[in-house]
Amino acid sequence: MYPEAVSAGVEATEFWNMDFNEIMVQVGANKKREQEELKKRAYMDHELAQLIAYAFNDPNKMPSVEKAYPFIKEMEPQPKEAIPEWLKMKQAFMRQAQKIKKIK
C-alpha cells in the first residue's frame, strides 16, 4: 500500500503516522485537486485556442484580456478611495480642537 499511497500524493514521511482512513481521505483529496487542476487547464487551453483563432483570422475582433479571462479583474486589488486633502486637514484641525477643549 505504501507505494500506491506515495504515488497518489501522500507524503512519504507522513504515511507511517497515518491510519488507513486518513490515507484514503488524503488520496481522495489529492485526486480531486488534480482533476480540478486538469479542468482549469482544459478551460484555459480552450480559451487560448479561441484567442489564437481570433489573432490569426480576424485580429481586429480579438477580445481584450479582461474579456477573455474575466477572473483577472477579480484578482486585482480594488483601489481604495483616496481621502481628499481638505478632509485630512479638517480631521487634523478637529483633533487639535479636541485637545484644546480638554486642556481648558
PDB file of N, CA and C in Angstrom:
ATOM      1  N   MET A   1       0.823  -1.191   0.000  1.00  0.00           N
ATOM      2  CA  MET A   1       0.000   0.000   0.000  1.00  0.00           C
ATOM      3  C   MET A   1       0.870   1.257   0.000  1.00  0.00           C
ATOM      4  N   TYR A   2       2.045   1.188   0.593  1.00  0.00           N
ATOM      5  CA  TYR A   2       2.926   2.346   0.675  1.00  0.00           C
ATOM      6  C   TYR A   2       3.247   2.930  -0.699  1.00  0.00           C
ATOM      7  N   PRO A   3       3.686   2.122  -1.684  1.00  0.00           N
ATOM      8  CA  PRO A   3       3.997   2.706  -2.993  1.00  0.00           C
ATOM      9  C   PRO A   3       2.792   3.358  -3.665  1.00  0.00           C
ATOM     10  N   GLU A   4       1.633   2.741  -3.534  1.00  0.00           N
ATOM     11  CA  GLU A   4       0.437   3.304  -4.155  1.00  0.00           C
ATOM     12  C   GLU A   4       0.053   4.638  -3.506  1.00  0.00           C
ATOM     13  N   ALA A   5       0.167   4.709  -2.188  1.00  0.00           N
ATOM     14  CA  ALA A   5      -0.182   5.938  -1.482  1.00  0.00           C
ATOM     15  C   ALA A   5       0.776   7.059  -1.849  1.00  0.00           C
ATOM     16  N   VAL A   6       2.056   6.747  -1.906  1.00  0.00           N
ATOM     17  CA  VAL A   6       3.046   7.779  -2.249  1.00  0.00           C
ATOM     18  C   VAL A   6       2.855   8.240  -3.685  1.00  0.00           C
ATOM     19  N   SER A   7       2.564   7.313  -4.605  1.00  0.00           N
ATOM     20  CA  SER A   7       2.338   7.716  -5.994  1.00  0.00           C
ATOM     21  C   SER A   7       1.049   8.511  -6.143  1.00  0.00           C
ATOM     22  N   ALA A   8       0.119   8.366  -5.193  1.00  0.00           N
ATOM     23  CA  ALA A   8      -1.129   9.126  -5.224  1.00  0.00           C
ATOM     24  C   ALA A   8      -0.985  10.479  -4.528  1.00  0.00           C
ATOM     25  N   GLY A   9       0.230  10.793  -4.038  1.00  0.00           N
ATOM     26  CA  GLY A   9       0.472  12.120  -3.490  1.00  0.00           C
ATOM     27  C   GLY A   9       0.571  12.205  -1.983  1.00  0.00           C
ATOM     28  N   VAL A  10       0.504  11.092  -1.279  1.00  0.00           N
ATOM     29  CA  VAL A  10       0.674  11.115   0.171  1.00  0.00           C
ATOM     30  C   VAL A  10       2.158  11.275   0.457  1.00  0.00           C
ATOM     31  N   GLU A  11       2.495  12.184   1.372  1.00  0.00           N
ATOM     32  CA  GLU A  11       3.897  12.398   1.724  1.00  0.00           C
ATOM     33  C   GLU A  11       4.487  11.115   2.313  1.00  0.00           C
ATOM     34  N   ALA A  12       5.665  10.758   1.829  1.00  0.00           N
ATOM     35  CA  ALA A  12       6.308   9.524   2.285  1.00  0.00           C
ATOM     36  C   ALA A  12       6.594   9.573   3.780  1.00  0.00           C
ATOM     37  N   THR A  13       6.964  10.732   4.292  1.00  0.00           N
ATOM     38  CA  THR A  13       7.281  10.839   5.719  1.00  0.00           C
ATOM     39  C   THR A  13       6.025  10.807   6.579  1.00  0.00           C
ATOM     40  N   GLU A  14       4.885  11.206   6.028  1.00  0.00           N
ATOM     41  CA  GLU A  14       3.636  11.234   6.784  1.00  0.00           C
ATOM     42  C   GLU A  14       2.892   9.905   6.731  1.00  0.00           C
ATOM     43  N   PHE A  15       3.193   9.082   5.752  1.00  0.00           N
ATOM     44  CA  PHE A  15       2.445   7.840   5.546  1.00  0.00           C
ATOM     45  C   PHE A  15       2.420   6.983   6.810  1.00  0.00           C
ATOM     46  N   TRP A  16       3.551   6.837   7.476  1.00  0.00           N
ATOM     47  CA  TRP A  16       3.645   5.917   8.616  1.00  0.00           C
ATOM     48  C   TRP A  16       2.938   6.445   9.858  1.00  0.00           C
ATOM     49  N   ASN A  17       2.608   7.729   9.876  1.00  0.00           N
ATOM     50  CA  ASN A  17       1.897   8.298  11.022  1.00  0.00           C
ATOM     51  C   ASN A  17       0.385   8.356  10.791  1.00  0.00           C
ATOM     52  N   MET A  18      -0.071   7.875   9.650  1.00  0.00           N
ATOM     53  CA  MET A  18      -1.485   7.958   9.307  1.00  0.00           C
ATOM     54  C   MET A  18      -2.149   6.589   9.408  1.00  0.00           C
ATOM     55  N   ASP A  19      -3.441   6.601   9.753  1.00  0.00           N
ATOM     56  CA  ASP A  19      -4.178   5.339   9.712  1.00  0.00           C
ATOM     57  C   ASP A  19      -4.803   5.184   8.318  1.00  0.00           C
ATOM     58  N   PHE A  20      -5.468   4.069   8.090  1.00  0.00           N
ATOM     59  CA  PHE A  20      -5.995   3.758   6.760  1.00  0.00           C
ATOM     60  C   PHE A  20      -6.983   4.812   6.275  1.00  0.00           C
ATOM     61  N   ASN A  21      -7.907   5.249   7.154  1.00  0.00           N
ATOM     62  CA  ASN A  21      -8.907   6.241   6.751  1.00  0.00           C
ATOM     63  C   ASN A  21      -8.260   7.572   6.370  1.00  0.00           C
ATOM     64  N   GLU A  22      -7.259   7.994   7.133  1.00  0.00           N
ATOM     65  CA  GLU A  22      -6.565   9.235   6.818  1.00  0.00           C
ATOM     66  C   GLU A  22      -5.867   9.150   5.465  1.00  0.00           C
ATOM     67  N   ILE A  23      -5.271   7.998   5.201  1.00  0.00           N
ATOM     68  CA  ILE A  23      -4.594   7.800   3.916  1.00  0.00           C
ATOM     69  C   ILE A  23      -5.595   7.879   2.773  1.00  0.00           C
ATOM     70  N   MET A  24      -6.730   7.228   2.932  1.00  0.00           N
ATOM     71  CA  MET A  24      -7.736   7.230   1.874  1.00  0.00           C
ATOM     72  C   MET A  24      -8.315   8.631   1.650  1.00  0.00           C
ATOM     73  N   VAL A  25      -8.519   9.387   2.723  1.00  0.00           N
ATOM     74  CA  VAL A  25      -9.008  10.763   2.589  1.00  0.00           C
ATOM     75  C   VAL A  25      -7.978  11.606   1.846  1.00  0.00           C
ATOM     76  N   GLN A  26      -6.699  11.447   2.212  1.00  0.00           N
ATOM     77  CA  GLN A  26      -5.647  12.223   1.556  1.00  0.00           C
ATOM     78  C   GLN A  26      -5.525  11.861   0.079  1.00  0.00           C
ATOM     79  N   VAL A  27      -5.603  10.572  -0.227  1.00  0.00           N
ATOM     80  CA  VAL A  27      -5.539  10.134  -1.624  1.00  0.00           C
ATOM     81  C   VAL A  27      -6.716  10.706  -2.413  1.00  0.00           C
ATOM     82  N   GLY A  28      -7.909  10.654  -1.820  1.00  0.00           N
ATOM     83  CA  GLY A  28      -9.087  11.203  -2.494  1.00  0.00           C
ATOM     84  C   GLY A  28      -8.974  12.705  -2.713  1.00  0.00           C
ATOM     85  N   ALA A  29      -8.468  13.419  -1.711  1.00  0.00           N
ATOM     86  CA  ALA A  29      -8.297  14.873  -1.842  1.00  0.00           C
ATOM     87  C   ALA A  29      -7.270  15.205  -2.911  1.00  0.00           C
ATOM     88  N   ASN A  30      -6.180  14.449  -2.941  1.00  0.00           N
ATOM     89  CA  ASN A  30      -5.158  14.685  -3.963  1.00  0.00           C
ATOM     90  C   ASN A  30      -5.707  14.434  -5.367  1.00  0.00           C
ATOM     91  N   LYS A  31      -6.508  13.376  -5.498  1.00  0.00           N
ATOM     92  CA  LYS A  31      -7.088  13.052  -6.799  1.00  0.00           C
ATOM     93  C   LYS A  31      -8.062  14.143  -7.240  1.00  0.00           C
ATOM     94  N   LYS A  32      -8.887  14.634  -6.307  1.00  0.00           N
ATOM     95  CA  LYS A  32      -9.843  15.687  -6.633  1.00  0.00           C
ATOM     96  C   LYS A  32      -9.114  16.970  -7.020  1.00  0.00           C
ATOM     97  N   ARG A  33      -8.044  17.312  -6.292  1.00  0.00           N
ATOM     98  CA  ARG A  33      -7.273  18.510  -6.608  1.00  0.00           C
ATOM     99  C   ARG A  33      -6.647  18.399  -7.992  1.00  0.00           C
ATOM    100  N   GLU A  34      -6.152  17.217  -8.326  1.00  0.00           N
ATOM    101  CA  GLU A  34      -5.562  17.005  -9.646  1.00  0.00           C
ATOM    102  C   GLU A  34      -6.609  17.130 -10.749  1.00  0.00           C
ATOM    103  N   GLN A  35      -7.804  16.585 -10.514  1.00  0.00           N
ATOM    104  CA  GLN A  35      -8.879  16.693 -11.503  1.00  0.00           C
ATOM    105  C   GLN A  35      -9.300  18.147 -11.703  1.00  0.00           C
ATOM    106  N   GLU A  36      -9.374  18.907 -10.614  1.00  0.00           N
ATOM    107  CA  GLU A  36      -9.720  20.325 -10.719  1.00  0.00           C
ATOM    108  C   GLU A  36      -8.647  21.085 -11.500  1.00  0.00           C
ATOM    109  N   GLU A  37      -7.401  20.752 -11.265  1.00  0.00           N
ATOM    110  CA  GLU A  37      -6.310  21.404 -11.996  1.00  0.00           C
ATOM    111  C   GLU A  37      -6.384  21.075 -13.491  1.00  0.00           C
ATOM    112  N   LEU A  38      -6.685  19.821 -13.827  1.00  0.00           N
ATOM    113  CA  LEU A  38      -6.828  19.446 -15.233  1.00  0.00           C
ATOM    114  C   LEU A  38      -8.017  20.160 -15.877  1.00  0.00           C
ATOM    115  N   LYS A  39      -9.092  20.311 -15.119  1.00  0.00           N
ATOM    116  CA  LYS A  39     -10.269  21.005 -15.631  1.00  0.00           C
ATOM    117  C   LYS A  39      -9.938  22.469 -15.913  1.00  0.00           C
ATOM    118  N   LYS A  40      -9.230  23.112 -14.988  1.00  0.00           N
ATOM    119  CA  LYS A  40      -8.819  24.504 -15.195  1.00  0.00           C
ATOM    120  C   LYS A  40      -7.919  24.624 -16.420  1.00  0.00           C
ATOM    121  N   ARG A  41      -6.985  23.702 -16.528  1.00  0.00           N
ATOM    122  CA  ARG A  41      -6.071  23.736 -17.670  1.00  0.00           C
ATOM    123  C   ARG A  41      -6.829  23.555 -18.981  1.00  0.00           C
ATOM    124  N   ALA A  42      -7.838  22.668 -18.991  1.00  0.00           N
ATOM    125  CA  ALA A  42      -8.621  22.447 -20.209  1.00  0.00           C
ATOM    126  C   ALA A  42      -9.366  23.724 -20.607  1.00  0.00           C
ATOM    127  N   TYR A  43      -9.969  24.415 -19.622  1.00  0.00           N
ATOM    128  CA  TYR A  43     -10.658  25.673 -19.927  1.00  0.00           C
ATOM    129  C   TYR A  43      -9.681  26.713 -20.471  1.00  0.00           C
ATOM    130  N   MET A  44      -8.523  26.817 -19.846  1.00  0.00           N
ATOM    131  CA  MET A  44      -7.533  27.789 -20.289  1.00  0.00           C
ATOM    132  C   MET A  44      -7.018  27.445 -21.685  1.00  0.00           C
ATOM    133  N   ASP A  45      -6.786  26.171 -21.956  1.00  0.00           N
ATOM    134  CA  ASP A  45      -6.338  25.761 -23.288  1.00  0.00           C
ATOM    135  C   ASP A  45      -7.391  26.081 -24.344  1.00  0.00           C
ATOM    136  N   HIS A  46      -8.653  25.839 -24.014  1.00  0.00           N
ATOM    137  CA  HIS A  46      -9.731  26.120 -24.954  1.00  0.00           C
ATOM    138  C   HIS A  46      -9.817  27.619 -25.228  1.00  0.00           C
ATOM    139  N   GLU A  47      -9.723  28.414 -24.185  1.00  0.00           N
ATOM    140  CA  GLU A  47      -9.770  29.875 -24.362  1.00  0.00           C
ATOM    141  C   GLU A  47      -8.581  30.351 -25.189  1.00  0.00           C
ATOM    142  N   LEU A  48      -7.415  29.779 -24.943  1.00  0.00           N
ATOM    143  CA  LEU A  48      -6.232  30.137 -25.720  1.00  0.00           C
ATOM    144  C   LEU A  48      -6.419  29.788 -27.196  1.00  0.00           C
ATOM    145  N   ALA A  49      -7.003  28.633 -27.461  1.00  0.00           N
ATOM    146  CA  ALA A  49      -7.247  28.241 -28.852  1.00  0.00           C
ATOM    147  C   ALA A  49      -8.192  29.231 -29.530  1.00  0.00           C
ATOM    148  N   GLN A  50      -9.209  29.694 -28.811  1.00  0.00           N
ATOM    149  CA  GLN A  50     -10.124  30.679 -29.381  1.00  0.00           C
ATOM    150  C   GLN A  50      -9.401  31.997 -29.657  1.00  0.00           C
ATOM    151  N   LEU A  51      -8.541  32.413 -28.737  1.00  0.00           N
ATOM    152  CA  LEU A  51      -7.805  33.662 -28.943  1.00  0.00           C
ATOM    153  C   LEU A  51      -6.837  33.549 -30.110  1.00  0.00           C
ATOM    154  N   ILE A  52      -6.221  32.395 -30.282  1.00  0.00           N
ATOM    155  CA  ILE A  52      -5.322  32.182 -31.421  1.00  0.00           C
ATOM    156  C   ILE A  52      -6.118  32.262 -32.724  1.00  0.00           C
ATOM    157  N   ALA A  53      -7.326  31.687 -32.720  1.00  0.00           N
ATOM    158  CA  ALA A  53      -8.166  31.755 -33.915  1.00  0.00           C
ATOM    159  C   ALA A  53      -8.516  33.205 -34.246  1.00  0.00           C
ATOM    160  N   TYR A  54      -8.841  33.997 -33.217  1.00  0.00           N
ATOM    161  CA  TYR A  54      -9.100  35.423 -33.449  1.00  0.00           C
ATOM    162  C   TYR A  54      -7.854  36.103 -34.009  1.00  0.00           C
ATOM    163  N   ALA A  55      -6.716  35.854 -33.382  1.00  0.00           N
ATOM    164  CA  ALA A  55      -5.480  36.525 -33.789  1.00  0.00           C
ATOM    165  C   ALA A  55      -5.109  36.171 -35.224  1.00  0.00           C
ATOM    166  N   PHE A  56      -5.364  34.962 -35.617  1.00  0.00           N
ATOM    167  CA  PHE A  56      -4.983  34.518 -36.954  1.00  0.00           C
ATOM    168  C   PHE A  56      -5.983  34.966 -38.013  1.00  0.00           C
ATOM    169  N   ASN A  57      -7.275  34.827 -37.724  1.00  0.00           N
ATOM    170  CA  ASN A  57      -8.310  35.079 -38.730  1.00  0.00           C
ATOM    171  C   ASN A  57      -8.839  36.512 -38.735  1.00  0.00           C
ATOM    172  N   ASP A  58      -9.083  37.065 -37.560  1.00  0.00           N
ATOM    173  CA  ASP A  58      -9.677  38.395 -37.503  1.00  0.00           C
ATOM    174  C   ASP A  58      -9.140  39.149 -36.279  1.00  0.00           C
ATOM    175  N   PRO A  59      -7.912  39.638 -36.348  1.00  0.00           N
ATOM    176  CA  PRO A  59      -7.295  40.270 -35.172  1.00  0.00           C
ATOM    177  C   PRO A  59      -8.030  41.512 -34.670  1.00  0.00           C
ATOM    178  N   ASN A  60      -8.772  42.187 -35.536  1.00  0.00           N
ATOM    179  CA  ASN A  60      -9.497  43.381 -35.105  1.00  0.00           C
ATOM    180  C   ASN A  60     -10.629  43.062 -34.127  1.00  0.00           C
ATOM    181  N   LYS A  61     -11.166  41.855 -34.182  1.00  0.00           N
ATOM    182  CA  LYS A  61     -12.261  41.458 -33.298  1.00  0.00           C
ATOM    183  C   LYS A  61     -11.776  40.705 -32.060  1.00  0.00           C
ATOM    184  N   MET A  62     -10.471  40.606 -31.889  1.00  0.00           N
ATOM    185  CA  MET A  62      -9.925  39.866 -30.751  1.00  0.00           C
ATOM    186  C   MET A  62     -10.303  40.558 -29.448  1.00  0.00           C
ATOM    187  N   PRO A  63     -10.886  39.813 -28.497  1.00  0.00           N
ATOM    188  CA  PRO A  63     -11.302  40.430 -27.234  1.00  0.00           C
ATOM    189  C   PRO A  63     -10.095  40.828 -26.386  1.00  0.00           C
ATOM    190  N   SER A  64     -10.327  41.756 -25.483  1.00  0.00           N
ATOM    191  CA  SER A  64      -9.260  42.173 -24.573  1.00  0.00           C
ATOM    192  C   SER A  64      -8.979  41.048 -23.583  1.00  0.00           C
ATOM    193  N   VAL A  65      -7.888  41.186 -22.881  1.00  0.00           N
ATOM    194  CA  VAL A  65      -7.511  40.171 -21.889  1.00  0.00           C
ATOM    195  C   VAL A  65      -8.586  40.062 -20.808  1.00  0.00           C
ATOM    196  N   GLU A  66      -9.124  41.195 -20.387  1.00  0.00           N
ATOM    197  CA  GLU A  66     -10.143  41.179 -19.337  1.00  0.00           C
ATOM    198  C   GLU A  66     -11.420  40.479 -19.787  1.00  0.00           C
ATOM    199  N   LYS A  67     -11.775  40.617 -21.083  1.00  0.00           N
ATOM    200  CA  LYS A  67     -12.959  39.920 -21.588  1.00  0.00           C
ATOM    201  C   LYS A  67     -12.687  38.430 -21.755  1.00  0.00           C
ATOM    202  N   ALA A  68     -11.491  38.100 -22.207  1.00  0.00           N
ATOM    203  CA  ALA A  68     -11.159  36.693 -22.425  1.00  0.00           C
ATOM    204  C   ALA A  68     -10.986  35.943 -21.107  1.00  0.00           C
ATOM    205  N   TYR A  69     -10.401  36.618 -20.137  1.00  0.00           N
ATOM    206  CA  TYR A  69     -10.155  35.999 -18.830  1.00  0.00           C
ATOM    207  C   TYR A  69     -10.748  36.901 -17.752  1.00  0.00           C
ATOM    208  N   PRO A  70     -12.052  36.814 -17.508  1.00  0.00           N
ATOM    209  CA  PRO A  70     -12.694  37.737 -16.575  1.00  0.00           C
ATOM    210  C   PRO A  70     -12.214  37.616 -15.130  1.00  0.00           C
ATOM    211  N   PHE A  71     -11.634  36.494 -14.770  1.00  0.00           N
ATOM    212  CA  PHE A  71     -11.178  36.323 -13.401  1.00  0.00           C
ATOM    213  C   PHE A  71      -9.989  37.219 -13.074  1.00  0.00           C
ATOM    214  N   ILE A  72      -9.299  37.726 -14.082  1.00  0.00           N
ATOM    215  CA  ILE A  72      -8.143  38.590 -13.846  1.00  0.00           C
ATOM    216  C   ILE A  72      -8.585  39.858 -13.127  1.00  0.00           C
ATOM    217  N   LYS A  73      -9.700  40.409 -13.538  1.00  0.00           N
ATOM    218  CA  LYS A  73     -10.196  41.634 -12.921  1.00  0.00           C
ATOM    219  C   LYS A  73     -10.561  41.387 -11.461  1.00  0.00           C
ATOM    220  N   GLU A  74     -11.081  40.215 -11.163  1.00  0.00           N
ATOM    221  CA  GLU A  74     -11.452  39.880  -9.792  1.00  0.00           C
ATOM    222  C   GLU A  74     -10.228  39.729  -8.904  1.00  0.00           C
ATOM    223  N   MET A  75      -9.110  39.297  -9.484  1.00  0.00           N
ATOM    224  CA  MET A  75      -7.895  39.062  -8.710  1.00  0.00           C
ATOM    225  C   MET A  75      -7.162  40.358  -8.374  1.00  0.00           C
ATOM    226  N   GLU A  76      -7.349  41.400  -9.181  1.00  0.00           N
ATOM    227  CA  GLU A  76      -6.666  42.662  -8.945  1.00  0.00           C
ATOM    228  C   GLU A  76      -7.231  43.323  -7.697  1.00  0.00           C
ATOM    229  N   PRO A  77      -6.353  43.868  -6.862  1.00  0.00           N
ATOM    230  CA  PRO A  77      -6.864  44.548  -5.667  1.00  0.00           C
ATOM    231  C   PRO A  77      -7.620  45.812  -6.068  1.00  0.00           C
ATOM    232  N   GLN A  78      -8.755  46.010  -5.435  1.00  0.00           N
ATOM    233  CA  GLN A  78      -9.567  47.178  -5.725  1.00  0.00           C
ATOM    234  C   GLN A  78      -8.906  48.401  -5.093  1.00  0.00           C
ATOM    235  N   PRO A  79      -8.746  49.486  -5.863  1.00  0.00           N
ATOM    236  CA  PRO A  79      -8.110  50.677  -5.286  1.00  0.00           C
ATOM    237  C   PRO A  79      -8.994  51.291  -4.204  1.00  0.00           C
ATOM    238  N   LYS A  80      -8.357  51.665  -3.125  1.00  0.00           N
ATOM    239  CA  LYS A  80      -9.091  52.308  -2.047  1.00  0.00           C
ATOM    240  C   LYS A  80      -9.362  53.753  -2.454  1.00  0.00           C
ATOM    241  N   GLU A  81     -10.482  54.248  -2.007  1.00  0.00           N
ATOM    242  CA  GLU A  81     -10.830  55.622  -2.333  1.00  0.00           C
ATOM    243  C   GLU A  81      -9.865  56.540  -1.593  1.00  0.00           C
ATOM    244  N   ALA A  82      -9.237  57.411  -2.330  1.00  0.00           N
ATOM    245  CA  ALA A  82      -8.297  58.340  -1.730  1.00  0.00           C
ATOM    246  C   ALA A  82      -9.056  59.401  -0.935  1.00  0.00           C
ATOM    247  N   ILE A  83      -8.563  59.703   0.249  1.00  0.00           N
ATOM    248  CA  ILE A  83      -9.173  60.735   1.075  1.00  0.00           C
ATOM    249  C   ILE A  83      -8.672  62.082   0.571  1.00  0.00           C
ATOM    250  N   PRO A  84      -9.589  62.990   0.256  1.00  0.00           N
ATOM    251  CA  PRO A  84      -9.162  64.297  -0.239  1.00  0.00           C
ATOM    252  C   PRO A  84      -8.311  65.027   0.808  1.00  0.00           C
ATOM    253  N   GLU A  85      -7.412  65.856   0.322  1.00  0.00           N
ATOM    254  CA  GLU A  85      -6.502  66.576   1.207  1.00  0.00           C
ATOM    255  C   GLU A  85      -7.261  67.471   2.180  1.00  0.00           C
ATOM    256  N   TRP A  86      -8.333  68.125   1.709  1.00  0.00           N
ATOM    257  CA  TRP A  86      -9.078  69.019   2.588  1.00  0.00           C
ATOM    258  C   TRP A  86      -9.713  68.280   3.751  1.00  0.00           C
ATOM    259  N   LEU A  87     -10.109  67.004   3.497  1.00  0.00           N
ATOM    260  CA  LEU A  87     -10.720  66.217   4.556  1.00  0.00           C
ATOM    261  C   LEU A  87      -9.670  65.805   5.587  1.00  0.00           C
ATOM    262  N   LYS A  88      -8.472  65.510   5.119  1.00  0.00           N
ATOM    263  CA  LYS A  88      -7.384  65.180   6.054  1.00  0.00           C
ATOM    264  C   LYS A  88      -7.084  66.375   6.951  1.00  0.00           C
ATOM    265  N   MET A  89      -7.033  67.579   6.339  1.00  0.00           N
ATOM    266  CA  MET A  89      -6.757  68.785   7.120  1.00  0.00           C
ATOM    267  C   MET A  89      -7.880  69.052   8.117  1.00  0.00           C
ATOM    268  N   LYS A  90      -9.116  68.820   7.696  1.00  0.00           N
ATOM    269  CA  LYS A  90     -10.258  69.024   8.586  1.00  0.00           C
ATOM    270  C   LYS A  90     -10.169  68.091   9.787  1.00  0.00           C
ATOM    271  N   GLN A  91      -9.809  66.837   9.537  1.00  0.00           N
ATOM    272  CA  GLN A  91      -9.680  65.875  10.623  1.00  0.00           C
ATOM    273  C   GLN A  91      -8.565  66.280  11.582  1.00  0.00           C
ATOM    274  N   ALA A  92      -7.452  66.773  11.030  1.00  0.00           N
ATOM    275  CA  ALA A  92      -6.340  67.227  11.879  1.00  0.00           C
ATOM    276  C   ALA A  92      -6.778  68.408  12.742  1.00  0.00           C
ATOM    277  N   PHE A  93      -7.509  69.373  12.162  1.00  0.00           N
ATOM    278  CA  PHE A  93      -7.995  70.527  12.922  1.00  0.00           C
ATOM    279  C   PHE A  93      -8.967  70.092  14.017  1.00  0.00           C
ATOM    280  N   MET A  94      -9.813  69.116  13.712  1.00  0.00           N
ATOM    281  CA  MET A  94     -10.771  68.623  14.706  1.00  0.00           C
ATOM    282  C   MET A  94     -10.043  67.959  15.878  1.00  0.00           C
ATOM    283  N   ARG A  95      -8.999  67.211  15.584  1.00  0.00           N
ATOM    284  CA  ARG A  95      -8.216  66.582  16.655  1.00  0.00           C
ATOM    285  C   ARG A  95      -7.557  67.654  17.523  1.00  0.00           C
ATOM    286  N   GLN A  96      -7.010  68.680  16.877  1.00  0.00           N
ATOM    287  CA  GLN A  96      -6.373  69.757  17.637  1.00  0.00           C
ATOM    288  C   GLN A  96      -7.409  70.487  18.493  1.00  0.00           C
ATOM    289  N   ALA A  97      -8.591  70.712  17.937  1.00  0.00           N
ATOM    290  CA  ALA A  97      -9.646  71.393  18.698  1.00  0.00           C
ATOM    291  C   ALA A  97     -10.053  70.558  19.912  1.00  0.00           C
ATOM    292  N   GLN A  98     -10.120  69.237  19.753  1.00  0.00           N
ATOM    293  CA  GLN A  98     -10.472  68.364  20.872  1.00  0.00           C
ATOM    294  C   GLN A  98      -9.407  68.437  21.962  1.00  0.00           C
ATOM    295  N   LYS A  99      -8.147  68.473  21.566  1.00  0.00           N
ATOM    296  CA  LYS A  99      -7.056  68.579  22.538  1.00  0.00           C
ATOM    297  C   LYS A  99      -7.140  69.895  23.297  1.00  0.00           C
ATOM    298  N   ILE A 100      -7.441  70.970  22.584  1.00  0.00           N
ATOM    299  CA  ILE A 100      -7.550  72.282  23.223  1.00  0.00           C
ATOM    300  C   ILE A 100      -8.716  72.296  24.188  1.00  0.00           C
ATOM    301  N   LYS A 101      -9.836  71.694  23.840  1.00  0.00           N
ATOM    302  CA  LYS A 101     -11.000  71.636  24.740  1.00  0.00           C
ATOM    303  C   LYS A 101     -10.679  70.875  26.005  1.00  0.00           C
ATOM    304  N   LYS A 102      -9.889  69.804  25.891  1.00  0.00           N
ATOM    305  CA  LYS A 102      -9.531  69.006  27.073  1.00  0.00           C
ATOM    306  C   LYS A 102      -8.642  69.798  28.020  1.00  0.00           C
ATOM    307  N   ILE A 103      -7.784  70.669  27.481  1.00  0.00           N
ATOM    308  CA  ILE A 103      -6.873  71.458  28.306  1.00  0.00           C
ATOM    309  C   ILE A 103      -7.645  72.511  29.086  1.00  0.00           C
ATOM    310  N   LYS A 104      -8.624  73.158  28.487  1.00  0.00           N
ATOM    311  CA  LYS A 104      -9.384  74.235  29.133  1.00  0.00           C
ATOM    312  C   LYS A 104     -10.294  73.698  30.157  1.00  0.00           C
TER     313      LYS A 104
END
